[in-house]
Amino acid sequence: MNPPYADTDPPRESIDALTGPTLLEFGSNTCGICAAAQPRVELALAAHPGVRHLKFEDGRAKRLGRSFGVKLWPTLVFLDNGKEVARLVRPQQAEPVAQALAALPGPPQ
């Protein structure tokens, strides 16, 4: 099951402090393009259970999305220990998502 985008977002400092591999997903619960991308993202994530997946509603007054320069939905930001290592905007297939996930290091030991 894929949860909805969280309406509240944490401060950027808490995202920067995350350890291990993380996928940030920015979008909107009312966005058709975001809904269409969900099966692709879910399929790719299924093979990477060690990757933390955080979904945030983006839009006006949403500082976290602005701090990452999000312009289009969905935007996927791949992090390693809080640092951006890859980004995909409006993925059309699961394969690019899977490739970006595979390039992330494993969880910290």
N, C-alpha and C. Protein backbone atom coordinates (compact mmCIF):
# COMPACT_ATOMS: atom_id res chain seq x y z
N MET A 1 0.83 -1.18 0.00
CA MET A 1 0.00 0.00 0.00
C MET A 1 0.87 1.24 0.00
N ASN A 2 0.50 2.20 -0.79
CA ASN A 2 1.26 3.44 -0.89
C ASN A 2 0.51 4.54 -0.14
N PRO A 3 1.11 5.07 0.93
CA PRO A 3 0.42 6.09 1.72
C PRO A 3 0.26 7.41 0.96
N PRO A 4 -0.68 8.25 1.39
CA PRO A 4 -0.83 9.56 0.75
C PRO A 4 0.36 10.46 1.09
N TYR A 5 0.45 11.54 0.36
CA TYR A 5 1.48 12.54 0.64
C TYR A 5 1.16 13.21 1.97
N ALA A 6 2.16 13.33 2.85
CA ALA A 6 1.97 13.98 4.15
C ALA A 6 1.72 15.46 3.94
N ASP A 7 0.73 15.98 4.67
CA ASP A 7 0.37 17.39 4.53
C ASP A 7 1.36 18.32 5.21
N THR A 8 2.04 17.83 6.23
CA THR A 8 3.03 18.65 6.93
C THR A 8 4.41 18.14 6.58
N ASP A 9 5.34 19.06 6.45
CA ASP A 9 6.69 18.65 6.13
C ASP A 9 7.64 19.07 7.24
N PRO A 10 8.68 18.27 7.46
CA PRO A 10 9.64 18.57 8.51
C PRO A 10 10.58 19.69 8.06
N PRO A 11 11.32 20.25 9.00
CA PRO A 11 12.34 21.23 8.60
C PRO A 11 13.43 20.56 7.76
N ARG A 12 14.01 21.31 6.87
CA ARG A 12 15.06 20.78 5.99
C ARG A 12 16.21 20.19 6.79
N GLU A 13 16.51 20.75 7.93
CA GLU A 13 17.62 20.26 8.75
C GLU A 13 17.41 18.80 9.16
N SER A 14 16.16 18.42 9.42
CA SER A 14 15.92 17.03 9.82
C SER A 14 16.09 16.08 8.63
N ILE A 15 15.79 16.53 7.44
CA ILE A 15 16.02 15.71 6.25
C ILE A 15 17.52 15.58 5.99
N ASP A 16 18.24 16.69 6.12
CA ASP A 16 19.69 16.66 5.91
C ASP A 16 20.40 15.75 6.91
N ALA A 17 19.79 15.53 8.09
CA ALA A 17 20.39 14.71 9.14
C ALA A 17 20.06 13.22 9.01
N LEU A 18 19.23 12.84 8.04
CA LEU A 18 18.86 11.44 7.87
C LEU A 18 20.09 10.59 7.53
N THR A 19 20.10 9.37 8.05
CA THR A 19 21.19 8.45 7.70
C THR A 19 20.63 7.35 6.80
N GLY A 20 21.49 6.85 5.95
CA GLY A 20 21.10 5.77 5.06
C GLY A 20 20.40 6.27 3.81
N PRO A 21 19.95 5.32 2.98
CA PRO A 21 19.30 5.66 1.72
C PRO A 21 17.84 6.09 1.94
N THR A 22 17.45 7.16 1.27
CA THR A 22 16.11 7.72 1.41
C THR A 22 15.61 8.19 0.06
N LEU A 23 14.33 7.93 -0.18
CA LEU A 23 13.66 8.48 -1.35
C LEU A 23 12.63 9.49 -0.85
N LEU A 24 12.81 10.75 -1.22
CA LEU A 24 11.81 11.78 -0.95
C LEU A 24 10.95 11.90 -2.19
N GLU A 25 9.65 11.89 -1.99
CA GLU A 25 8.72 12.04 -3.11
C GLU A 25 7.86 13.25 -2.84
N PHE A 26 7.89 14.20 -3.76
CA PHE A 26 7.07 15.41 -3.66
C PHE A 26 5.96 15.36 -4.69
N GLY A 27 4.75 15.65 -4.26
CA GLY A 27 3.62 15.64 -5.16
C GLY A 27 2.39 16.18 -4.48
N SER A 28 1.24 15.76 -4.96
CA SER A 28 -0.03 16.19 -4.40
C SER A 28 -1.01 15.02 -4.44
N ASN A 29 -1.82 14.92 -3.41
CA ASN A 29 -2.82 13.86 -3.36
C ASN A 29 -3.90 14.03 -4.42
N THR A 30 -4.01 15.22 -5.01
CA THR A 30 -5.01 15.49 -6.04
C THR A 30 -4.42 15.52 -7.45
N CYS A 31 -3.15 15.19 -7.58
CA CYS A 31 -2.44 15.25 -8.86
C CYS A 31 -2.59 13.93 -9.62
N GLY A 32 -3.18 13.99 -10.80
CA GLY A 32 -3.35 12.80 -11.62
C GLY A 32 -2.04 12.19 -12.08
N ILE A 33 -1.08 13.04 -12.40
CA ILE A 33 0.24 12.53 -12.84
C ILE A 33 0.92 11.81 -11.69
N CYS A 34 0.76 12.34 -10.47
CA CYS A 34 1.33 11.69 -9.29
C CYS A 34 0.69 10.32 -9.08
N ALA A 35 -0.63 10.26 -9.19
CA ALA A 35 -1.34 9.00 -9.02
C ALA A 35 -0.90 7.98 -10.07
N ALA A 36 -0.71 8.43 -11.29
CA ALA A 36 -0.29 7.52 -12.36
C ALA A 36 1.13 6.99 -12.12
N ALA A 37 1.97 7.76 -11.46
CA ALA A 37 3.35 7.34 -11.21
C ALA A 37 3.46 6.36 -10.04
N GLN A 38 2.46 6.29 -9.18
CA GLN A 38 2.56 5.47 -7.97
C GLN A 38 2.88 4.01 -8.25
N PRO A 39 2.23 3.35 -9.19
CA PRO A 39 2.59 1.94 -9.44
C PRO A 39 4.05 1.77 -9.86
N ARG A 40 4.58 2.72 -10.61
CA ARG A 40 5.99 2.65 -11.05
C ARG A 40 6.92 2.76 -9.85
N VAL A 41 6.62 3.70 -8.97
CA VAL A 41 7.45 3.92 -7.78
C VAL A 41 7.35 2.70 -6.86
N GLU A 42 6.15 2.21 -6.64
CA GLU A 42 5.94 1.04 -5.78
C GLU A 42 6.68 -0.18 -6.31
N LEU A 43 6.60 -0.40 -7.61
CA LEU A 43 7.27 -1.54 -8.23
C LEU A 43 8.77 -1.46 -8.01
N ALA A 44 9.35 -0.31 -8.22
CA ALA A 44 10.79 -0.13 -8.05
C ALA A 44 11.19 -0.28 -6.58
N LEU A 45 10.39 0.27 -5.67
CA LEU A 45 10.71 0.20 -4.25
C LEU A 45 10.61 -1.21 -3.69
N ALA A 46 9.79 -2.05 -4.28
CA ALA A 46 9.60 -3.41 -3.78
C ALA A 46 10.91 -4.18 -3.70
N ALA A 47 11.82 -3.89 -4.60
CA ALA A 47 13.11 -4.58 -4.63
C ALA A 47 14.15 -3.92 -3.71
N HIS A 48 13.75 -2.85 -3.03
CA HIS A 48 14.70 -2.11 -2.18
C HIS A 48 14.06 -1.80 -0.83
N PRO A 49 13.80 -2.83 -0.02
CA PRO A 49 13.11 -2.61 1.25
C PRO A 49 13.91 -1.80 2.26
N GLY A 50 15.20 -1.67 2.06
CA GLY A 50 16.03 -0.89 2.99
C GLY A 50 16.01 0.60 2.73
N VAL A 51 15.31 1.04 1.70
CA VAL A 51 15.26 2.47 1.37
C VAL A 51 14.05 3.10 2.07
N ARG A 52 14.31 4.13 2.84
CA ARG A 52 13.25 4.89 3.49
C ARG A 52 12.52 5.70 2.42
N HIS A 53 11.19 5.65 2.42
CA HIS A 53 10.38 6.37 1.43
C HIS A 53 9.50 7.38 2.17
N LEU A 54 9.74 8.66 1.92
CA LEU A 54 8.97 9.73 2.55
C LEU A 54 8.26 10.53 1.48
N LYS A 55 6.96 10.71 1.66
CA LYS A 55 6.15 11.44 0.67
C LYS A 55 5.61 12.72 1.30
N PHE A 56 5.80 13.84 0.59
CA PHE A 56 5.36 15.12 1.10
C PHE A 56 4.51 15.85 0.07
N GLU A 57 3.40 16.37 0.54
CA GLU A 57 2.54 17.24 -0.27
C GLU A 57 3.35 18.50 -0.57
N ASP A 58 3.32 18.92 -1.81
CA ASP A 58 4.06 20.11 -2.21
C ASP A 58 3.06 21.15 -2.68
N GLY A 59 3.47 22.40 -2.67
CA GLY A 59 2.61 23.48 -3.13
C GLY A 59 2.97 24.78 -2.43
N ARG A 60 2.06 25.73 -2.50
CA ARG A 60 2.29 27.02 -1.86
C ARG A 60 2.57 26.85 -0.37
N ALA A 61 3.51 27.63 0.10
CA ALA A 61 3.90 27.66 1.51
C ALA A 61 4.50 26.35 2.00
N LYS A 62 4.93 25.49 1.11
CA LYS A 62 5.59 24.24 1.50
C LYS A 62 7.09 24.44 1.33
N ARG A 63 7.74 24.72 2.43
CA ARG A 63 9.16 25.09 2.39
C ARG A 63 10.09 23.95 1.99
N LEU A 64 9.76 22.73 2.38
CA LEU A 64 10.67 21.63 2.07
C LEU A 64 10.82 21.45 0.56
N GLY A 65 9.71 21.44 -0.15
CA GLY A 65 9.76 21.32 -1.61
C GLY A 65 10.53 22.48 -2.24
N ARG A 66 10.32 23.67 -1.73
CA ARG A 66 11.03 24.83 -2.26
C ARG A 66 12.53 24.70 -2.01
N SER A 67 12.91 24.16 -0.84
CA SER A 67 14.33 24.03 -0.53
C SER A 67 15.03 23.04 -1.46
N PHE A 68 14.26 22.11 -2.04
CA PHE A 68 14.80 21.17 -3.01
C PHE A 68 14.57 21.62 -4.45
N GLY A 69 14.01 22.78 -4.64
CA GLY A 69 13.80 23.31 -5.99
C GLY A 69 12.76 22.55 -6.79
N VAL A 70 11.77 21.98 -6.13
CA VAL A 70 10.73 21.22 -6.81
C VAL A 70 9.85 22.16 -7.63
N LYS A 71 9.66 21.82 -8.90
CA LYS A 71 8.83 22.63 -9.80
C LYS A 71 7.67 21.82 -10.36
N LEU A 72 7.88 20.53 -10.62
CA LEU A 72 6.85 19.66 -11.21
C LEU A 72 6.62 18.46 -10.31
N TRP A 73 5.43 17.89 -10.39
CA TRP A 73 5.08 16.72 -9.60
C TRP A 73 4.88 15.52 -10.50
N PRO A 74 5.17 14.36 -10.03
CA PRO A 74 5.96 14.10 -8.84
C PRO A 74 7.45 14.30 -9.12
N THR A 75 8.15 14.72 -8.09
CA THR A 75 9.60 14.80 -8.13
C THR A 75 10.14 13.83 -7.10
N LEU A 76 11.04 12.97 -7.53
CA LEU A 76 11.68 12.00 -6.65
C LEU A 76 13.12 12.44 -6.41
N VAL A 77 13.48 12.60 -5.15
CA VAL A 77 14.83 13.00 -4.77
C VAL A 77 15.44 11.85 -3.98
N PHE A 78 16.55 11.33 -4.47
CA PHE A 78 17.22 10.19 -3.86
C PHE A 78 18.37 10.73 -3.00
N LEU A 79 18.37 10.35 -1.72
CA LEU A 79 19.35 10.85 -0.77
C LEU A 79 20.21 9.72 -0.22
N ASP A 80 21.45 10.03 0.04
CA ASP A 80 22.35 9.15 0.79
C ASP A 80 22.86 9.95 1.97
N ASN A 81 22.49 9.54 3.16
CA ASN A 81 22.87 10.26 4.38
C ASN A 81 22.52 11.75 4.28
N GLY A 82 21.32 12.04 3.80
CA GLY A 82 20.83 13.41 3.74
C GLY A 82 21.32 14.24 2.58
N LYS A 83 22.14 13.67 1.72
CA LYS A 83 22.69 14.39 0.57
C LYS A 83 22.05 13.87 -0.72
N GLU A 84 21.63 14.80 -1.57
CA GLU A 84 21.02 14.40 -2.83
C GLU A 84 22.06 13.77 -3.75
N VAL A 85 21.69 12.58 -4.28
CA VAL A 85 22.58 11.89 -5.22
C VAL A 85 21.93 11.67 -6.58
N ALA A 86 20.61 11.80 -6.65
CA ALA A 86 19.90 11.64 -7.93
C ALA A 86 18.52 12.28 -7.79
N ARG A 87 17.91 12.53 -8.97
CA ARG A 87 16.58 13.13 -9.01
C ARG A 87 15.88 12.68 -10.28
N LEU A 88 14.59 12.41 -10.15
CA LEU A 88 13.75 12.10 -11.30
C LEU A 88 12.49 12.95 -11.20
N VAL A 89 12.08 13.48 -12.33
CA VAL A 89 10.86 14.28 -12.38
C VAL A 89 9.89 13.59 -13.33
N ARG A 90 8.68 13.34 -12.84
CA ARG A 90 7.62 12.70 -13.61
C ARG A 90 8.09 11.42 -14.31
N PRO A 91 8.54 10.44 -13.53
CA PRO A 91 9.02 9.20 -14.17
C PRO A 91 7.90 8.51 -14.95
N GLN A 92 8.20 8.12 -16.15
CA GLN A 92 7.23 7.47 -17.04
C GLN A 92 7.29 5.95 -16.97
N GLN A 93 8.38 5.42 -16.40
CA GLN A 93 8.56 3.98 -16.31
C GLN A 93 9.21 3.66 -14.96
N ALA A 94 9.08 2.41 -14.55
CA ALA A 94 9.67 1.99 -13.27
C ALA A 94 11.19 1.85 -13.37
N GLU A 95 11.72 1.54 -14.55
CA GLU A 95 13.15 1.26 -14.70
C GLU A 95 14.06 2.41 -14.25
N PRO A 96 13.81 3.67 -14.62
CA PRO A 96 14.69 4.73 -14.13
C PRO A 96 14.65 4.87 -12.61
N VAL A 97 13.48 4.62 -12.01
CA VAL A 97 13.37 4.67 -10.55
C VAL A 97 14.19 3.53 -9.96
N ALA A 98 14.07 2.35 -10.53
CA ALA A 98 14.82 1.18 -10.05
C ALA A 98 16.33 1.40 -10.17
N GLN A 99 16.76 2.00 -11.28
CA GLN A 99 18.19 2.27 -11.47
C GLN A 99 18.71 3.25 -10.43
N ALA A 100 17.94 4.31 -10.15
CA ALA A 100 18.37 5.29 -9.15
C ALA A 100 18.41 4.66 -7.76
N LEU A 101 17.43 3.81 -7.45
CA LEU A 101 17.43 3.12 -6.16
C LEU A 101 18.61 2.16 -6.03
N ALA A 102 18.92 1.45 -7.11
CA ALA A 102 20.03 0.50 -7.09
C ALA A 102 21.37 1.20 -6.90
N ALA A 103 21.47 2.45 -7.31
CA ALA A 103 22.71 3.19 -7.17
C ALA A 103 22.93 3.71 -5.75
N LEU A 104 21.87 3.69 -4.93
CA LEU A 104 22.02 4.14 -3.55
C LEU A 104 22.80 3.11 -2.75
N PRO A 105 23.63 3.56 -1.82
CA PRO A 105 24.29 2.61 -0.94
C PRO A 105 23.25 1.92 -0.04
N GLY A 106 23.62 0.82 0.53
CA GLY A 106 22.74 0.11 1.45
C GLY A 106 22.57 0.86 2.76
N PRO A 107 21.68 0.36 3.61
CA PRO A 107 21.48 0.98 4.92
C PRO A 107 22.75 0.95 5.76
N PRO A 108 22.90 1.90 6.69
CA PRO A 108 24.10 1.91 7.53
C PRO A 108 24.14 0.66 8.40
N GLN A 109 25.32 0.17 8.66
CA GLN A 109 25.51 -1.04 9.49
C GLN A 109 25.65 -0.66 10.94
